[in-house]
N, C-alpha and C. Protein backbone atom coordinates (compact mmCIF):
# COMPACT_ATOMS: atom_id res chain seq x y z
N UNK A 1 -7.54 20.09 13.20
CA UNK A 1 -7.11 18.99 12.23
C UNK A 1 -5.92 18.42 12.62
N UNK A 2 -5.69 17.20 12.60
CA UNK A 2 -4.57 16.71 13.06
C UNK A 2 -3.65 16.42 11.88
N UNK A 3 -2.40 16.50 12.13
CA UNK A 3 -1.12 16.29 11.06
C UNK A 3 -0.91 14.88 10.78
N UNK A 4 -1.23 14.41 9.56
CA UNK A 4 -0.72 13.04 8.85
C UNK A 4 0.27 13.31 8.16
N UNK A 5 0.92 12.16 7.78
CA UNK A 5 2.15 12.27 6.79
C UNK A 5 1.62 12.96 5.50
N UNK A 6 0.32 12.58 5.23
CA UNK A 6 0.10 13.26 3.77
C UNK A 6 -0.41 14.57 3.88
N UNK A 7 -0.52 15.25 5.07
CA UNK A 7 -1.08 16.72 5.38
C UNK A 7 0.36 17.57 5.57
N UNK A 8 1.33 16.87 5.74
CA UNK A 8 2.64 17.58 6.13
C UNK A 8 3.14 17.93 4.68
N UNK A 9 3.66 19.33 4.74
CA UNK A 9 4.51 19.63 3.35
C UNK A 9 5.80 19.16 3.37
N UNK A 10 5.86 18.40 2.31
CA UNK A 10 7.19 17.55 1.90
C UNK A 10 8.10 18.57 1.44
N UNK A 11 9.44 18.51 1.97
CA UNK A 11 10.59 19.29 1.38
C UNK A 11 11.14 18.66 0.08
N UNK A 12 12.09 19.47 -0.45
CA UNK A 12 12.50 18.73 -1.62
C UNK A 12 13.66 17.80 -1.24
N UNK A 13 14.01 17.80 -0.04
CA UNK A 13 15.20 16.67 0.25
C UNK A 13 14.85 15.43 0.53
N UNK A 14 13.23 15.39 0.78
CA UNK A 14 12.61 13.94 1.36
C UNK A 14 12.44 13.00 0.19
N UNK A 15 13.12 12.02 0.42
CA UNK A 15 13.17 10.96 -0.69
C UNK A 15 12.12 9.95 -0.31
N UNK A 16 11.51 9.47 -1.17
CA UNK A 16 10.22 8.34 -1.11
C UNK A 16 10.41 7.63 -2.19
N UNK A 17 10.26 6.16 -1.84
CA UNK A 17 10.11 4.98 -2.84
C UNK A 17 8.53 4.42 -2.84
N UNK A 18 8.37 4.20 -3.98
CA UNK A 18 7.05 3.67 -4.37
C UNK A 18 6.99 2.65 -5.05
N UNK A 19 5.96 1.52 -4.75
CA UNK A 19 5.59 0.41 -5.50
C UNK A 19 4.28 0.26 -5.79
N UNK A 20 3.87 -0.27 -7.02
CA UNK A 20 2.41 -0.65 -7.50
C UNK A 20 2.09 -2.00 -7.69
N UNK A 21 0.97 -2.34 -7.31
CA UNK A 21 0.49 -3.91 -7.65
C UNK A 21 -0.83 -3.58 -8.50
N UNK A 22 -0.67 -3.88 -9.81
CA UNK A 22 -1.73 -3.67 -10.54
C UNK A 22 -2.55 -4.88 -10.99
N UNK A 23 -3.96 -4.66 -11.18
CA UNK A 23 -5.06 -5.79 -11.49
C UNK A 23 -4.84 -7.09 -10.48
N UNK A 24 -5.01 -6.45 -9.21
CA UNK A 24 -4.85 -7.61 -8.05
C UNK A 24 -6.35 -7.90 -7.78
N UNK A 25 -6.83 -9.18 -7.74
CA UNK A 25 -8.05 -9.84 -7.48
C UNK A 25 -8.46 -9.31 -6.20
N UNK A 26 -9.58 -8.70 -6.18
CA UNK A 26 -10.21 -8.27 -4.86
C UNK A 26 -10.77 -6.74 -4.88
N UNK A 27 -11.69 -6.44 -4.34
CA UNK A 27 -12.29 -5.09 -4.56
C UNK A 27 -11.32 -4.09 -3.84
N UNK A 28 -11.51 -2.79 -4.45
CA UNK A 28 -10.55 -1.81 -3.70
C UNK A 28 -11.27 -1.46 -2.39
N UNK A 29 -12.55 -1.64 -1.93
CA UNK A 29 -12.91 -1.28 -0.66
C UNK A 29 -12.35 -2.16 0.50
N UNK A 30 -12.17 -3.48 -0.01
CA UNK A 30 -11.61 -4.27 0.99
C UNK A 30 -10.13 -4.17 1.15
N UNK A 31 -9.50 -3.63 0.16
CA UNK A 31 -8.34 -3.53 0.46
C UNK A 31 -7.88 -2.38 1.13
N UNK A 32 -8.69 -1.15 0.84
CA UNK A 32 -8.54 0.08 1.55
C UNK A 32 -8.65 -0.12 3.14
N UNK A 33 -9.52 -1.00 3.55
CA UNK A 33 -9.58 -1.12 5.07
C UNK A 33 -8.55 -1.71 5.50
N UNK A 34 -7.70 -2.42 4.84
CA UNK A 34 -6.25 -2.91 5.50
C UNK A 34 -5.35 -1.79 5.22
N UNK A 35 -5.22 -1.03 4.33
CA UNK A 35 -4.37 -0.10 4.10
C UNK A 35 -4.43 1.13 5.24
N UNK A 36 -5.89 1.37 5.40
CA UNK A 36 -5.96 2.55 6.40
C UNK A 36 -5.40 2.08 7.92
N UNK A 37 -5.13 0.80 8.15
CA UNK A 37 -4.88 0.42 9.34
C UNK A 37 -3.21 0.47 9.30
N UNK A 38 -2.57 0.41 8.03
CA UNK A 38 -1.05 0.44 8.19
C UNK A 38 -0.34 1.63 8.01
N UNK A 39 -1.40 2.61 7.32
CA UNK A 39 -0.53 3.80 6.95
C UNK A 39 -0.23 4.58 8.06
N UNK A 40 0.86 5.23 8.08
CA UNK A 40 1.60 6.04 8.97
C UNK A 40 2.56 5.24 9.78
N UNK A 41 2.46 3.88 9.73
CA UNK A 41 3.29 3.09 10.55
C UNK A 41 4.69 2.81 9.99
N UNK A 42 5.56 2.40 11.01
CA UNK A 42 6.81 1.85 10.55
C UNK A 42 6.42 0.50 9.58
N UNK A 43 7.67 0.27 8.91
CA UNK A 43 7.63 -0.83 8.19
C UNK A 43 7.70 -2.26 9.03
N UNK A 44 8.47 -2.26 9.93
CA UNK A 44 8.26 -3.61 10.95
C UNK A 44 6.72 -3.68 11.45
N UNK A 45 6.33 -2.50 12.07
CA UNK A 45 5.08 -2.80 12.54
C UNK A 45 3.83 -3.17 11.50
N UNK A 46 4.00 -2.76 10.51
CA UNK A 46 3.08 -2.84 9.29
C UNK A 46 3.16 -4.23 8.95
N UNK A 47 4.29 -4.78 8.98
CA UNK A 47 4.71 -6.15 8.41
C UNK A 47 4.06 -7.08 9.56
N UNK A 48 4.17 -6.84 10.74
CA UNK A 48 3.68 -7.63 11.97
C UNK A 48 2.17 -7.67 11.86
N UNK A 49 1.52 -6.37 11.74
CA UNK A 49 0.08 -6.11 11.68
C UNK A 49 -0.49 -7.01 10.51
N UNK A 50 0.05 -6.87 9.29
CA UNK A 50 -0.23 -7.77 8.11
C UNK A 50 -0.43 -9.25 8.37
N UNK A 51 0.68 -9.68 9.17
CA UNK A 51 0.90 -11.02 9.39
C UNK A 51 -0.30 -11.81 10.17
N UNK A 52 -0.91 -10.94 11.25
CA UNK A 52 -1.86 -11.41 11.84
C UNK A 52 -3.35 -10.96 11.76
N UNK A 53 -3.59 -10.08 10.56
CA UNK A 53 -4.75 -9.57 10.05
C UNK A 53 -5.57 -10.79 9.19
N UNK A 54 -6.77 -11.19 9.54
CA UNK A 54 -7.40 -12.24 9.11
C UNK A 54 -8.30 -11.92 7.71
N UNK A 55 -7.67 -10.94 6.83
CA UNK A 55 -8.12 -10.66 5.64
C UNK A 55 -7.47 -11.28 4.51
N UNK A 56 -8.07 -11.71 3.39
CA UNK A 56 -7.45 -12.28 2.24
C UNK A 56 -6.54 -11.19 1.51
N UNK A 57 -6.67 -9.89 1.52
CA UNK A 57 -6.12 -8.95 0.81
C UNK A 57 -4.66 -8.59 1.58
N UNK A 58 -4.23 -8.97 2.61
CA UNK A 58 -2.97 -8.89 3.21
C UNK A 58 -1.92 -9.38 2.49
N UNK A 59 -2.03 -10.36 1.65
CA UNK A 59 -0.97 -11.00 0.94
C UNK A 59 -0.41 -10.15 -0.28
N UNK A 60 -1.42 -9.64 -0.92
CA UNK A 60 -0.97 -8.77 -1.87
C UNK A 60 -0.31 -7.39 -1.44
N UNK A 61 -0.90 -7.12 -0.60
CA UNK A 61 -0.56 -5.67 0.34
C UNK A 61 1.04 -5.86 0.81
N UNK A 62 1.30 -7.24 1.31
CA UNK A 62 2.75 -7.48 1.83
C UNK A 62 3.35 -7.55 0.75
N UNK A 63 3.14 -7.92 -0.29
CA UNK A 63 4.06 -8.04 -1.51
C UNK A 63 4.45 -6.46 -2.10
N UNK A 64 3.48 -5.84 -2.18
CA UNK A 64 3.72 -4.60 -2.65
C UNK A 64 4.69 -3.67 -1.63
N UNK A 65 4.28 -3.78 -0.33
CA UNK A 65 5.07 -3.24 0.70
C UNK A 65 6.55 -3.69 0.68
N UNK A 66 6.88 -4.87 0.57
CA UNK A 66 8.25 -5.63 0.44
C UNK A 66 8.84 -4.97 -0.83
N UNK A 67 8.19 -4.78 -1.90
CA UNK A 67 8.63 -4.07 -3.21
C UNK A 67 9.06 -2.73 -2.92
N UNK A 68 8.17 -1.91 -2.21
CA UNK A 68 8.67 -0.51 -1.95
C UNK A 68 9.66 -0.41 -1.21
N UNK A 69 9.82 -1.34 -0.20
CA UNK A 69 11.07 -1.12 0.88
C UNK A 69 12.34 -1.58 -0.02
N UNK A 70 11.97 -2.72 -0.86
CA UNK A 70 13.45 -3.08 -1.75
C UNK A 70 13.69 -2.11 -2.65
N UNK A 71 12.58 -1.43 -3.30
CA UNK A 71 13.16 -0.01 -4.04
C UNK A 71 13.99 0.92 -3.18
N UNK A 72 13.18 1.09 -2.26
CA UNK A 72 14.12 2.38 -1.27
C UNK A 72 15.55 1.67 -0.96
N UNK A 73 15.59 0.47 -0.52
CA UNK A 73 16.92 0.16 -0.08
C UNK A 73 17.69 -0.09 -1.37
N UNK A 74 17.51 -0.26 -2.42
CA UNK A 74 18.27 -0.60 -3.60
C UNK A 74 18.62 0.61 -4.45
N UNK A 75 17.42 1.28 -4.83
CA UNK A 75 17.64 2.62 -5.61
C UNK A 75 17.90 3.60 -5.09
N UNK A 76 17.49 3.86 -3.41
CA UNK A 76 18.02 5.17 -2.85
C UNK A 76 18.89 5.00 -1.73
N UNK A 77 19.17 3.73 -1.37
CA UNK A 77 20.19 3.44 -0.12
C UNK A 77 19.76 3.78 0.98
N UNK A 78 18.39 3.36 1.38
CA UNK A 78 17.83 3.76 2.58
C UNK A 78 18.08 2.68 3.35
N UNK A 79 17.80 2.84 4.73
CA UNK A 79 18.10 1.80 5.56
C UNK A 79 16.51 1.29 6.01
N UNK A 80 16.23 0.11 5.86
CA UNK A 80 14.74 -0.60 5.86
C UNK A 80 14.16 -0.32 7.38
N UNK A 81 14.96 -0.20 8.38
CA UNK A 81 14.59 -0.11 9.68
C UNK A 81 14.16 1.45 9.95
N UNK A 82 14.55 2.52 9.19
CA UNK A 82 14.07 3.79 9.16
C UNK A 82 12.96 3.95 8.53
N UNK A 83 12.42 3.05 7.68
CA UNK A 83 11.11 3.61 6.91
C UNK A 83 9.74 3.39 7.39
N UNK A 84 9.02 4.25 6.98
CA UNK A 84 7.70 4.19 7.56
C UNK A 84 6.69 4.42 6.11
N UNK A 85 5.33 4.06 6.50
CA UNK A 85 4.42 4.12 5.25
C UNK A 85 4.04 5.56 5.18
N UNK A 86 4.53 6.51 4.11
CA UNK A 86 3.91 7.55 3.88
C UNK A 86 2.47 7.91 3.39
N UNK A 87 2.30 7.06 2.22
CA UNK A 87 1.10 7.06 2.03
C UNK A 87 0.84 5.52 1.10
N UNK A 88 -0.50 5.25 1.18
CA UNK A 88 -0.98 3.81 0.83
C UNK A 88 -2.40 4.05 0.29
N UNK A 89 -2.60 3.65 -1.05
CA UNK A 89 -4.06 3.88 -1.50
C UNK A 89 -4.21 2.49 -2.46
N UNK A 90 -5.56 2.59 -2.72
CA UNK A 90 -6.07 1.57 -3.93
C UNK A 90 -7.24 2.04 -4.47
N UNK A 91 -7.03 1.81 -5.86
CA UNK A 91 -7.88 2.34 -6.97
C UNK A 91 -8.76 1.17 -7.50
N UNK A 92 -9.83 1.48 -8.03
CA UNK A 92 -10.42 0.33 -8.94
C UNK A 92 -9.69 0.02 -10.14
N UNK A 93 -9.91 -1.12 -10.31
CA UNK A 93 -9.41 -1.68 -11.46
C UNK A 93 -10.37 -2.12 -12.49
N UNK A 94 -10.23 -2.67 -13.68
CA UNK A 94 -11.34 -3.14 -14.54
C UNK A 94 -11.84 -4.36 -13.90
N UNK A 95 -13.18 -4.31 -14.20
CA UNK A 95 -14.08 -5.55 -13.51
C UNK A 95 -14.24 -6.82 -14.80
N UNK A 96 -14.05 -7.90 -14.38
CA UNK A 96 -13.97 -9.08 -15.16
C UNK A 96 -15.66 -9.41 -15.09
N UNK A 97 -16.17 -9.73 -16.17
CA UNK A 97 -17.63 -10.07 -16.07
C UNK A 97 -17.77 -11.56 -16.54
N UNK A 98 -18.46 -12.34 -15.81
CA UNK A 98 -18.66 -13.75 -15.90
C UNK A 98 -20.01 -13.96 -15.63
N UNK A 99 -20.59 -15.13 -16.36
CA UNK A 99 -21.87 -15.31 -16.26
C UNK A 99 -22.30 -16.93 -15.96
N UNK A 100 -23.05 -17.01 -15.05
CA UNK A 100 -23.57 -18.08 -14.58
C UNK A 100 -24.79 -18.70 -14.96
N UNK A 101 -25.13 -19.79 -15.39
CA UNK A 101 -26.39 -20.43 -15.79
C UNK A 101 -27.43 -20.50 -14.58
N UNK A 102 -28.67 -20.05 -14.83
CA UNK A 102 -29.58 -19.95 -13.69
C UNK A 102 -30.83 -20.75 -14.23
N UNK A 103 -31.61 -20.85 -13.62
CA UNK A 103 -33.12 -21.81 -13.87
C UNK A 103 -33.68 -21.15 -15.07
N UNK A 104 -34.40 -22.06 -15.97
CA UNK A 104 -35.36 -21.41 -17.06
C UNK A 104 -34.55 -20.68 -18.13
N UNK A 105 -33.26 -21.14 -18.28
CA UNK A 105 -32.26 -20.51 -19.52
C UNK A 105 -31.86 -19.07 -19.05
N UNK A 106 -32.05 -18.59 -17.95
CA UNK A 106 -31.66 -17.15 -17.71
C UNK A 106 -29.99 -17.41 -17.16
N UNK A 107 -29.29 -16.02 -17.39
CA UNK A 107 -28.15 -15.71 -16.90
C UNK A 107 -27.92 -15.23 -15.88
N UNK A 108 -27.08 -15.17 -15.21
CA UNK A 108 -26.77 -14.32 -13.80
C UNK A 108 -25.48 -13.80 -13.89
N UNK A 109 -25.22 -12.61 -13.89
CA UNK A 109 -23.72 -11.96 -14.06
C UNK A 109 -23.16 -11.95 -12.63
N UNK A 110 -21.78 -12.09 -12.84
CA UNK A 110 -20.77 -12.27 -11.73
C UNK A 110 -19.71 -11.38 -12.17
N UNK A 111 -19.57 -10.04 -11.21
CA UNK A 111 -18.43 -9.33 -11.38
C UNK A 111 -17.40 -9.57 -10.56
N UNK A 112 -16.26 -9.77 -11.22
CA UNK A 112 -14.91 -10.08 -10.47
C UNK A 112 -14.33 -8.98 -10.31
N UNK A 113 -14.17 -8.30 -9.29
CA UNK A 113 -13.55 -6.99 -9.01
C UNK A 113 -11.90 -7.21 -9.06
N UNK A 114 -11.00 -6.17 -9.63
CA UNK A 114 -9.65 -5.86 -9.37
C UNK A 114 -9.57 -4.56 -8.93
N UNK A 115 -8.20 -4.15 -8.64
CA UNK A 115 -7.93 -3.11 -8.07
C UNK A 115 -6.18 -2.96 -8.21
N UNK A 116 -5.96 -1.74 -8.00
CA UNK A 116 -4.59 -1.22 -8.11
C UNK A 116 -3.93 -0.69 -6.76
N UNK A 117 -3.08 -1.38 -6.38
CA UNK A 117 -2.49 -0.99 -4.75
C UNK A 117 -1.14 -0.08 -5.26
N UNK A 118 -1.14 0.90 -4.31
CA UNK A 118 0.05 1.67 -4.37
C UNK A 118 0.67 2.00 -2.93
N UNK A 119 1.76 1.81 -2.72
CA UNK A 119 2.35 2.03 -1.27
C UNK A 119 3.63 3.08 -1.56
N UNK A 120 3.77 4.17 -0.73
CA UNK A 120 4.93 4.88 -0.75
C UNK A 120 5.46 4.70 0.79
N UNK A 121 6.92 4.77 0.84
CA UNK A 121 7.55 4.85 1.79
C UNK A 121 8.66 5.74 1.86
N UNK A 122 8.80 6.35 2.95
CA UNK A 122 9.84 7.36 3.19
C UNK A 122 10.75 6.99 4.54
N UNK A 123 11.79 7.69 4.71
CA UNK A 123 12.67 7.58 5.92
C UNK A 123 12.37 8.41 7.10
N UNK A 124 12.35 7.84 8.19
CA UNK A 124 12.13 8.90 9.46
C UNK A 124 13.14 9.90 9.52
N UNK A 125 12.90 11.27 9.78
CA UNK A 125 13.68 12.26 9.93
C UNK A 125 14.49 11.96 11.16
N UNK A 126 15.70 11.98 11.36
CA UNK A 126 16.62 11.87 12.43
C UNK A 126 17.42 13.12 12.89
N UNK A 127 18.11 12.99 13.91
CA UNK A 127 18.71 14.31 14.44
C UNK A 127 19.70 14.38 13.57
N UNK A 128 20.36 13.43 13.03
CA UNK A 128 21.78 13.27 12.34
C UNK A 128 21.48 14.01 11.00
N UNK A 129 20.21 13.40 10.36
CA UNK A 129 20.07 14.07 8.96
C UNK A 129 19.80 15.50 9.04
N UNK A 130 18.99 15.93 10.06
CA UNK A 130 18.93 17.44 10.21
C UNK A 130 20.21 18.19 10.54
N UNK A 131 21.13 17.75 11.31
CA UNK A 131 22.26 18.40 11.22
C UNK A 131 22.94 18.29 10.01
N UNK A 132 23.17 17.32 9.48
CA UNK A 132 23.75 17.26 7.89
C UNK A 132 23.44 18.24 6.86
N UNK A 133 22.10 18.29 7.05
CA UNK A 133 21.46 19.35 6.00
C UNK A 133 21.62 20.85 6.30
N UNK A 134 21.62 21.20 7.42
CA UNK A 134 22.05 22.55 7.84
C UNK A 134 23.63 23.07 7.68
């Protein structure tokens, strides 16, 4: 079993900042395929990847990622250049149901999916931080 940032046990001294994007239009499965690509990457690498991906869901993901980094910078005093995406997930939101008229008086239902995006960022452990803690 390979160790990913989610499987490594976190110490109490690890600080993380989180941001949520709720009721985002788009299905959770299409958002997850983008989140799986950026999970575990540095903030800079993730922004570059999101800029060049050909998916519509990259815009709301970029907004949530920038918000998480702003939270880390403003609330916790972290340096954005040392941040990486520790966890990222998307859950299903409510479905908007619409109806489209069809032939012979029938109606065709259209389901407009929404999702909730959450991204958590942490700082890379450095030698200086380890020496200060000991």
